[in-house]
Protein backbone atom coordinates (compact mmCIF):
# COMPACT_ATOMS: atom_id res chain seq x y z
CA MET A 1 5.82 -75.64 -36.49
CA GLU A 2 3.42 -73.43 -34.51
CA TYR A 3 3.59 -72.78 -30.84
CA GLY A 4 0.72 -74.69 -29.27
CA SER A 5 0.99 -77.69 -31.56
CA LYS A 6 0.77 -81.13 -30.12
CA VAL A 7 4.03 -82.97 -31.23
CA SER A 8 5.78 -86.30 -30.79
CA ILE A 9 9.52 -86.00 -30.50
CA ASP A 10 12.13 -88.74 -30.96
CA TYR A 11 15.25 -87.90 -29.03
CA GLU A 12 18.05 -90.60 -28.89
CA SER A 13 16.14 -93.65 -27.63
CA ASN A 14 13.31 -91.62 -25.98
CA LYS A 15 9.97 -90.44 -27.27
CA PHE A 16 8.29 -87.34 -25.82
CA ILE A 17 4.74 -86.16 -26.50
CA GLY A 18 3.45 -82.76 -25.40
CA THR A 19 2.79 -79.25 -26.46
CA LEU A 20 5.30 -77.18 -28.21
CA ILE A 21 5.85 -73.73 -26.39
CA GLU A 22 8.04 -70.74 -27.13
CA SER A 23 11.76 -71.11 -26.43
CA SER A 24 14.01 -68.14 -25.78
CA ASP A 25 16.84 -70.21 -27.46
CA SER A 26 16.54 -70.99 -31.24
CA LYS A 27 18.60 -74.18 -30.64
CA ILE A 28 16.29 -75.66 -28.02
CA ILE A 29 12.93 -77.17 -28.48
CA LEU A 30 10.73 -76.56 -25.39
CA LEU A 31 8.06 -79.10 -24.74
CA LYS A 32 5.17 -79.03 -22.07
CA LEU A 33 4.52 -82.56 -21.09
CA ASP A 34 0.99 -83.76 -20.16
CA SER A 35 2.37 -83.87 -16.60
CA GLY A 36 2.74 -80.17 -16.59
CA TYR A 37 6.55 -80.12 -16.53
CA ASN A 38 8.62 -78.65 -19.37
CA ILE A 39 11.60 -80.12 -20.97
CA GLY A 40 14.28 -78.64 -23.27
CA LEU A 41 15.86 -80.72 -26.13
CA PRO A 42 18.45 -79.93 -28.60
CA LYS A 43 16.92 -79.09 -31.87
CA ASN A 44 19.48 -80.64 -34.17
CA LYS A 45 19.16 -84.03 -32.44
CA CYS A 46 15.39 -84.28 -32.47
CA LYS A 47 12.94 -85.73 -34.95
CA VAL A 48 9.59 -83.88 -34.64
CA LYS A 49 6.27 -85.04 -35.85
CA VAL A 50 3.06 -82.74 -35.60
CA ILE A 51 0.23 -84.60 -34.15
CA SER A 52 -2.36 -81.72 -34.17
CA LYS A 53 -2.14 -77.94 -34.74
CA PRO A 54 -2.97 -75.35 -32.06
CA LYS A 55 -6.79 -74.80 -31.51
CA PHE A 56 -6.08 -71.15 -31.04
CA SER A 57 -3.43 -68.60 -32.11
CA ILE A 58 -0.67 -67.96 -29.78
CA LYS A 59 0.17 -64.21 -29.50
CA LYS A 60 3.71 -63.28 -28.37
CA THR A 61 2.74 -59.82 -27.16
CA THR A 62 1.31 -59.05 -23.72
CA SER A 63 0.08 -55.47 -24.71
CA THR A 64 -3.56 -54.93 -24.35
CA GLU A 65 -6.12 -52.17 -24.36
CA LYS A 66 -6.86 -50.70 -20.86
CA ASN A 67 -10.25 -51.82 -19.55
CA ASN A 68 -11.78 -48.93 -17.68
CA SER A 69 -14.03 -51.26 -15.70
CA LEU A 70 -10.99 -52.86 -14.03
CA PRO A 71 -8.78 -51.61 -11.27
CA ASN A 72 -5.22 -50.36 -11.97
CA ILE A 73 -2.63 -52.56 -10.06
CA THR A 74 1.10 -52.02 -10.21
CA ILE A 75 3.33 -55.12 -10.17
CA ILE A 76 6.84 -54.30 -8.85
CA SER A 77 9.32 -57.06 -9.64
CA THR A 78 12.40 -57.65 -7.59
CA GLY A 79 13.33 -61.13 -8.77
CA GLY A 80 13.12 -64.54 -7.14
CA THR A 81 11.73 -67.90 -8.09
CA ILE A 82 8.41 -66.36 -8.97
CA ALA A 83 10.07 -64.42 -11.66
CA SER A 84 12.51 -67.17 -12.93
CA GLU A 85 12.57 -69.96 -15.32
CA VAL A 86 14.83 -72.90 -16.29
CA ASP A 87 17.78 -72.25 -18.62
CA TYR A 88 17.43 -75.38 -20.73
CA LYS A 89 21.11 -75.31 -21.64
CA THR A 90 22.26 -75.60 -18.23
CA GLY A 91 19.25 -76.97 -16.19
CA ALA A 92 19.83 -74.01 -13.83
CA VAL A 93 17.04 -71.62 -12.63
CA THR A 94 17.68 -68.12 -14.01
CA PRO A 95 15.81 -64.72 -13.46
CA ILE A 96 13.27 -63.59 -16.05
CA THR A 97 14.55 -60.13 -16.79
CA LYS A 98 11.24 -58.61 -18.04
CA PRO A 99 8.16 -58.69 -15.80
CA SER A 100 6.03 -58.70 -19.01
CA LYS A 101 7.38 -62.23 -19.82
CA LEU A 102 5.83 -63.52 -16.46
CA LEU A 103 2.46 -61.93 -17.38
CA GLN A 104 2.64 -63.61 -20.80
CA LYS A 105 2.53 -66.93 -18.89
CA LEU A 106 -0.60 -65.85 -17.01
CA PRO A 107 -2.81 -64.16 -19.52
CA GLU A 108 -5.89 -64.72 -17.25
CA ILE A 109 -4.72 -61.98 -14.81
CA ARG A 110 -5.71 -59.33 -17.34
CA LYS A 111 -9.34 -60.19 -16.71
CA ILE A 112 -8.74 -59.09 -12.98
CA ALA A 113 -7.02 -55.77 -13.45
CA ASN A 114 -5.16 -53.46 -15.59
CA ILE A 115 -1.54 -54.26 -14.99
CA ASN A 116 1.41 -51.96 -15.05
CA THR A 117 4.75 -53.81 -14.46
CA ILE A 118 7.93 -52.15 -13.15
CA GLN A 119 11.31 -53.92 -12.88
CA ILE A 120 13.43 -52.39 -10.02
CA LEU A 121 15.70 -55.28 -9.11
CA THR A 122 16.61 -58.75 -10.60
CA LYS A 123 17.94 -60.48 -7.51
CA PHE A 124 17.34 -63.81 -5.78
CA SER A 125 16.15 -62.72 -2.14
CA GLU A 126 19.35 -64.05 -0.37
CA ASP A 127 21.31 -61.31 -2.30
CA LEU A 128 19.01 -58.41 -1.21
CA SER A 129 20.61 -55.70 1.17
CA ILE A 130 19.31 -53.20 3.54
CA ASN A 131 19.76 -50.62 0.90
CA ASP A 132 17.32 -52.62 -1.39
CA TRP A 133 14.64 -52.39 1.33
CA GLU A 134 14.97 -48.47 0.91
CA ILE A 135 14.79 -48.82 -2.88
CA ILE A 136 11.77 -51.11 -2.76
CA SER A 137 9.92 -48.95 -0.18
CA GLU A 138 10.40 -45.74 -2.32
CA SER A 139 9.24 -47.50 -5.53
CA VAL A 140 6.23 -48.68 -3.84
CA TYR A 141 5.48 -45.35 -2.26
CA LYS A 142 5.56 -43.56 -5.54
CA GLU A 143 2.98 -45.97 -6.97
CA LEU A 144 0.59 -45.74 -3.84
CA CYS A 145 0.67 -41.90 -4.23
CA LYS A 146 -0.82 -42.20 -7.69
CA GLU A 147 -4.69 -41.74 -7.41
CA ASN A 148 -5.42 -44.18 -10.20
CA VAL A 149 -3.46 -46.94 -8.75
CA ARG A 150 -5.75 -49.20 -6.64
CA GLY A 151 -2.84 -51.21 -4.90
CA VAL A 152 0.68 -52.48 -5.38
CA ILE A 153 2.13 -56.02 -5.73
CA VAL A 154 5.64 -56.77 -5.05
CA THR A 155 7.08 -60.16 -6.49
CA HIS A 156 9.87 -61.30 -4.41
CA GLY A 157 12.01 -64.41 -3.64
CA THR A 158 10.58 -66.44 -0.79
CA ASP A 159 13.86 -67.09 1.30
CA THR A 160 13.76 -63.53 2.67
CA LEU A 161 10.33 -62.33 1.79
CA HIS A 162 9.20 -61.98 5.24
CA TYR A 163 12.18 -59.69 5.94
CA THR A 164 11.23 -57.30 3.16
CA SER A 165 7.49 -57.35 3.98
CA ALA A 166 8.31 -56.60 7.59
CA ALA A 167 10.71 -53.74 6.43
CA LEU A 168 7.87 -52.14 4.35
CA SER A 169 5.40 -52.47 7.14
CA PHE A 170 7.54 -49.97 9.06
CA SER A 171 8.72 -47.76 6.27
CA LEU A 172 5.30 -47.14 4.78
CA GLN A 173 3.18 -45.59 7.50
CA LYS A 174 -0.35 -44.45 7.31
CA LEU A 175 -1.14 -46.79 4.50
CA GLY A 176 -4.48 -46.23 2.77
CA LYS A 177 -4.03 -49.10 0.08
CA PRO A 178 -2.89 -52.70 0.11
CA VAL A 179 0.76 -53.60 -0.45
CA VAL A 180 0.97 -57.31 -1.33
CA PHE A 181 3.98 -59.49 -1.27
CA VAL A 182 3.88 -62.61 -3.41
CA GLY A 183 6.34 -65.22 -4.32
CA GLY A 184 6.73 -68.78 -5.66
CA GLN A 185 8.33 -71.91 -4.36
CA ARG A 186 8.56 -73.37 -7.88
CA SER A 187 9.76 -71.61 -11.00
CA SER A 188 7.22 -70.48 -13.56
CA ASP A 189 7.90 -73.18 -16.13
CA ARG A 190 7.13 -76.10 -13.74
CA GLY A 191 3.83 -77.92 -13.54
CA SER A 192 3.74 -77.30 -9.72
CA PHE A 193 4.32 -73.46 -10.28
CA ASP A 194 2.57 -71.83 -7.17
CA GLY A 195 3.37 -68.24 -8.14
CA GLY A 196 0.56 -67.96 -10.61
CA MET A 197 -2.26 -68.67 -8.09
CA ASN A 198 -0.41 -66.43 -5.55
CA LEU A 199 -0.45 -63.70 -8.05
CA ILE A 200 -3.96 -64.16 -8.96
CA CYS A 201 -4.96 -64.07 -5.27
CA GLY A 202 -2.67 -61.18 -4.65
CA LEU A 203 -4.41 -59.09 -7.34
CA HIS A 204 -7.88 -59.67 -5.56
CA ILE A 205 -6.29 -58.56 -2.22
CA ALA A 206 -4.60 -55.53 -3.91
CA ASN A 207 -8.14 -54.44 -5.01
CA SER A 208 -9.61 -55.15 -1.42
CA ASP A 209 -10.11 -52.91 1.55
CA ILE A 210 -7.10 -54.46 3.44
CA ALA A 211 -4.84 -51.28 3.71
CA GLU A 212 -1.71 -53.12 5.11
CA VAL A 213 1.51 -54.80 4.03
CA VAL A 214 0.68 -58.42 3.66
CA THR A 215 1.83 -61.62 2.17
CA VAL A 216 -0.40 -63.73 -0.11
CA MET A 217 0.84 -67.23 -0.49
CA HIS A 218 -0.62 -70.79 -0.78
CA GLY A 219 -2.54 -71.79 2.30
CA SER A 220 -2.38 -75.50 1.53
CA SER A 221 -0.49 -77.84 -0.70
CA GLU A 222 -3.48 -77.75 -3.22
CA ASP A 223 -4.26 -74.89 -5.53
CA ASN A 224 -7.36 -73.98 -3.58
CA PHE A 225 -6.77 -70.78 -1.59
CA CYS A 226 -4.15 -68.52 -0.24
CA LEU A 227 -3.44 -67.08 3.21
CA VAL A 228 -3.41 -63.25 3.73
CA ASN A 229 -0.90 -62.65 6.50
CA ARG A 230 0.33 -59.49 8.11
CA GLY A 231 3.86 -58.69 6.64
CA ASN A 232 5.49 -58.63 10.05
CA LYS A 233 3.84 -61.72 11.59
CA VAL A 234 4.61 -64.26 9.05
CA LYS A 235 7.57 -66.65 8.46
CA LYS A 236 8.69 -69.19 5.95
CA MET A 237 8.34 -72.53 7.86
CA HIS A 238 9.39 -75.02 5.31
CA THR A 239 12.10 -75.18 2.62
CA THR A 240 10.11 -76.41 -0.28
CA ARG A 241 6.33 -76.73 0.52
CA ARG A 242 4.15 -74.40 -1.35
CA ASP A 243 2.22 -73.60 1.87
CA SER A 244 5.37 -72.82 3.81
CA PHE A 245 4.32 -69.13 4.82
CA ARG A 246 2.45 -69.38 8.10
CA PRO A 247 1.18 -66.80 10.59
CA ILE A 248 3.25 -66.62 13.89
CA ASN A 249 1.51 -65.70 16.94
CA SER A 250 -1.50 -64.67 15.00
CA VAL A 251 -4.28 -66.03 12.68
CA PRO A 252 -4.21 -64.83 9.08
CA ILE A 253 -6.06 -61.54 8.18
CA ALA A 254 -7.98 -63.55 5.54
CA LYS A 255 -8.29 -66.39 3.11
CA VAL A 256 -8.52 -65.47 -0.47
CA TYR A 257 -9.55 -67.82 -3.34
CA PRO A 258 -8.65 -67.63 -7.04
CA ASN A 259 -12.29 -66.65 -7.94
CA GLY A 260 -12.02 -63.58 -5.81
CA LYS A 261 -13.75 -64.65 -2.73
CA ILE A 262 -12.29 -63.26 0.39
CA GLU A 263 -12.87 -64.61 3.95
CA LYS A 264 -11.87 -62.36 6.84
CA HIS A 265 -10.42 -63.83 9.99
CA SER A 266 -8.97 -60.94 11.95
CA LYS A 267 -8.99 -57.13 12.20
CA HIS A 268 -7.00 -55.07 9.70
CA VAL A 269 -6.57 -51.40 8.74
CA LEU A 270 -9.25 -50.26 6.20
CA ARG A 271 -8.69 -48.65 2.94
CA HIS A 272 -8.72 -44.91 2.96
CA SER A 273 -7.86 -41.90 0.56
CA ASN A 274 -5.07 -40.29 2.53
CA LYS A 275 -1.49 -40.60 1.14
CA PRO A 276 0.98 -42.70 3.10
CA THR A 277 4.24 -41.43 4.73
CA LEU A 278 7.69 -42.67 3.55
CA ILE A 279 10.08 -43.28 6.44
CA ASN A 280 12.56 -45.63 4.76
CA LYS A 281 15.99 -45.27 6.36
CA PHE A 282 17.54 -48.44 7.84
CA SER A 283 20.77 -48.67 9.91
CA GLU A 284 23.29 -51.26 9.00
CA LYS A 285 24.75 -51.30 12.47
CA VAL A 286 22.27 -53.91 13.78
CA ALA A 287 22.63 -57.61 14.28
CA LEU A 288 20.52 -60.69 15.04
CA ILE A 289 22.26 -63.15 17.22
CA LYS A 290 20.94 -66.74 17.74
CA TYR A 291 22.11 -68.12 21.16
CA HIS A 292 23.19 -71.76 21.36
CA PRO A 293 24.87 -73.80 24.06
CA GLY A 294 28.61 -73.47 23.83
CA MET A 295 28.36 -70.04 22.43
CA ASN A 296 31.44 -67.85 23.21
CA ALA A 297 30.63 -64.57 24.93
CA GLU A 298 33.43 -62.75 22.90
CA ILE A 299 31.02 -62.38 20.02
CA PHE A 300 29.58 -59.40 22.05
CA ASN A 301 33.00 -57.86 22.10
CA TYR A 302 33.11 -58.04 18.40
CA TYR A 303 29.98 -56.03 17.66
CA SER A 304 31.10 -53.57 20.43
CA SER A 305 34.38 -53.05 18.64
CA LYS A 306 32.68 -52.52 15.33
CA LYS A 307 30.57 -49.70 16.88
CA TYR A 308 27.11 -51.55 16.31
CA LYS A 309 24.17 -49.63 17.74
CA GLY A 310 21.91 -52.52 18.58
CA LEU A 311 21.61 -56.20 18.82
CA ILE A 312 18.55 -58.49 18.88
CA ILE A 313 19.22 -61.81 20.73
CA GLU A 314 17.12 -65.00 19.95
CA GLY A 315 17.26 -66.36 23.42
CA THR A 316 16.00 -69.69 24.58
CA GLY A 317 12.52 -70.25 25.86
CA LEU A 318 11.19 -67.22 27.65
CA GLY A 319 14.32 -65.16 26.81
CA HIS A 320 17.41 -66.60 28.34
CA VAL A 321 21.20 -66.71 27.52
CA ASN A 322 24.23 -68.21 29.46
CA SER A 323 24.50 -66.30 32.81
CA ASN A 324 28.15 -65.83 32.19
CA PHE A 325 27.18 -63.47 29.30
CA LEU A 326 25.91 -60.78 31.80
CA ASN A 327 29.07 -58.81 32.08
CA GLN A 328 29.47 -58.31 28.30
CA ILE A 329 25.70 -57.60 27.83
CA THR A 330 25.82 -54.93 30.64
CA ASN A 331 28.97 -53.29 29.30
CA MET A 332 27.33 -52.91 25.85
CA ILE A 333 24.19 -51.36 27.24
CA LYS A 334 26.48 -48.92 29.32
CA GLU A 335 28.00 -48.07 25.92
CA GLY A 336 24.63 -47.09 24.65
CA ILE A 337 24.09 -50.19 22.63
CA PHE A 338 20.41 -51.41 22.47
CA ILE A 339 19.93 -55.07 23.39
CA GLY A 340 16.57 -56.66 22.72
CA MET A 341 15.41 -60.17 23.74
CA THR A 342 13.27 -62.40 21.54
CA SER A 343 12.69 -66.16 21.62
CA GLN A 344 13.86 -68.79 19.23
CA ALA A 345 10.79 -70.81 20.07
CA ASN A 346 8.84 -68.71 17.49
CA TYR A 347 5.52 -69.02 19.23
CA GLY A 348 4.72 -67.32 22.68
CA SER A 349 6.20 -64.32 24.43
CA VAL A 350 9.41 -63.64 26.22
CA ASN A 351 9.07 -63.05 29.98
CA PRO A 352 11.89 -61.83 32.33
CA TYR A 353 10.02 -62.48 35.54
CA VAL A 354 9.88 -66.24 35.56
CA TYR A 355 13.52 -67.33 36.03
CA SER A 356 16.41 -65.59 37.92
CA SER A 357 18.43 -65.38 34.63
CA GLY A 358 15.79 -63.36 32.86
CA ARG A 359 15.38 -61.12 35.76
CA ASN A 360 19.12 -60.41 35.97
CA LEU A 361 19.13 -59.45 32.19
CA PHE A 362 16.17 -57.35 32.51
CA ASN A 363 17.50 -55.47 35.64
CA HIS A 364 20.78 -54.84 33.75
CA GLY A 365 18.88 -53.16 30.86
CA VAL A 366 17.91 -55.83 28.39
CA THR A 367 14.53 -55.01 26.70
CA TYR A 368 12.22 -57.89 26.44
CA LEU A 369 10.20 -57.72 23.28
CA ASP A 370 7.03 -59.79 24.12
CA ASP A 371 5.92 -61.92 21.08
CA ILE A 372 7.68 -60.22 18.10
CA LEU A 373 9.39 -62.37 15.62
CA PRO A 374 13.20 -62.21 15.90
CA GLU A 375 13.57 -61.25 12.23
CA THR A 376 10.88 -58.57 12.61
CA ALA A 377 12.68 -57.18 15.78
CA TYR A 378 15.87 -57.00 13.88
CA ILE A 379 14.26 -55.06 11.04
CA LYS A 380 12.34 -52.83 13.33
CA LEU A 381 15.46 -51.93 15.20
CA SER A 382 17.30 -51.18 12.07
CA TRP A 383 14.41 -48.87 11.05
CA VAL A 384 14.14 -47.24 14.43
CA LEU A 385 17.92 -46.51 14.49
CA GLY A 386 17.71 -45.26 10.98
CA ASN A 387 14.92 -42.71 11.69
CA PHE A 388 14.72 -41.67 15.22
CA PRO A 389 17.05 -40.15 17.98
CA GLU A 390 18.77 -42.65 20.30
CA SER A 391 16.74 -41.40 23.24
CA ASP A 392 13.62 -42.73 21.71
CA ILE A 393 14.87 -46.22 20.71
CA LYS A 394 13.72 -48.17 23.76
CA GLN A 395 10.25 -46.72 23.64
CA LYS A 396 9.94 -47.14 19.96
CA MET A 397 10.92 -50.68 20.11
CA LYS A 398 8.21 -51.37 22.74
CA ASP A 399 5.64 -49.42 20.76
CA ASN A 400 3.11 -51.43 18.58
CA ILE A 401 3.73 -49.47 15.48
CA SER A 402 2.55 -51.71 12.60
CA GLY A 403 0.79 -54.68 14.32
CA GLU A 404 4.00 -56.47 15.05
CA TYR A 405 2.89 -57.21 18.58
CA SER A 406 -0.26 -59.32 19.27
CA GLU A 407 -2.96 -57.46 21.10
CA SER A 408 -4.13 -60.94 22.61
CA SER A 409 -3.31 -64.55 22.19
CA HIS A 410 -5.61 -67.41 21.06
CA PRO A 411 -5.13 -71.12 20.90
CA ASN A 412 -5.56 -71.06 17.07
CA ASP A 413 -2.46 -68.92 16.87
CA PHE A 414 -0.25 -72.00 17.47
CA LEU A 415 0.75 -73.98 14.32
CA TYR A 416 -1.98 -72.44 12.19
């Protein structure tokens, strides 16, 4: 039987009709149903009847001659759902270990660019470490320094994608080319796979004049456009929706359509020919603490005893915690530990001047960090502590280094 054949399969008391597709397991028949979903069936228990042969030949190789009229884009794979498929023996989602296999599923992207794929990690994003941020940064930097590379795409799991995109927004300074993070909420063998369109749209942005670290993910639940969001002003706002990545305290830089059309919505750094600067050390002695009612102040003693260098607090509202915490926080600041305040409200800015609890924290040395996302503040503090002297920490945290602070607010920023 040829791959691409239309077949009817009798399995136990069920009949399935679909297109035969290549299986990585010789004992499993892989069938794409008309619904777009794939199923795997044990070959020795199936009765297969060919309805029609494929209308075109199926090539197993992804090699192709370089097209000099197309841009050169590097895709760096780190793992995640976008680079995964179902193991039809177990039903579990497992990583695709070769980036070329993902490209084989999306042959149309070779009409957009000459693709070079690099596998540096094979991890779901919850398993990524601070050390991995350094590895990813250096790998992207090396590709950006190649004159013939137009831009770089990083495929990444969605759960912590906005952490890594924020990390690279700091570790790669003076960018002259796009660095595009793409992911997928659904695995590549599902009919609702979103990573394909995200990757196609990401390629168009990698060839654009947007010289920043950005995320390119579905802008709606339909397959019509993607949002281009600054890598440190975006957050995953839903567990499963394909349009879960939304801008926070900002509007998207652009919308991008699968046909290559780009609609600009906000200012961005323009492409230039200068090489970037790599500053990619991150300190592990940093923590992000979410305040909640009933929280025990002894948690601060723990971080002090473990010689942490900085804490970011997700306070309530405008940046508050229980007033009984003031002594522990003050003692940590006296020990030289940086304490930064953000809000768990996501939208809006912290402000120490409205309520007395905020004024007390501010007067005792807590640094209020305006409208920065708590996750971005945590990553920025890790980066600042990893690369600059302690005397510069407070000022560096207040500086708007990579667009992490909004220059102004707009009503459209909320729930875009």
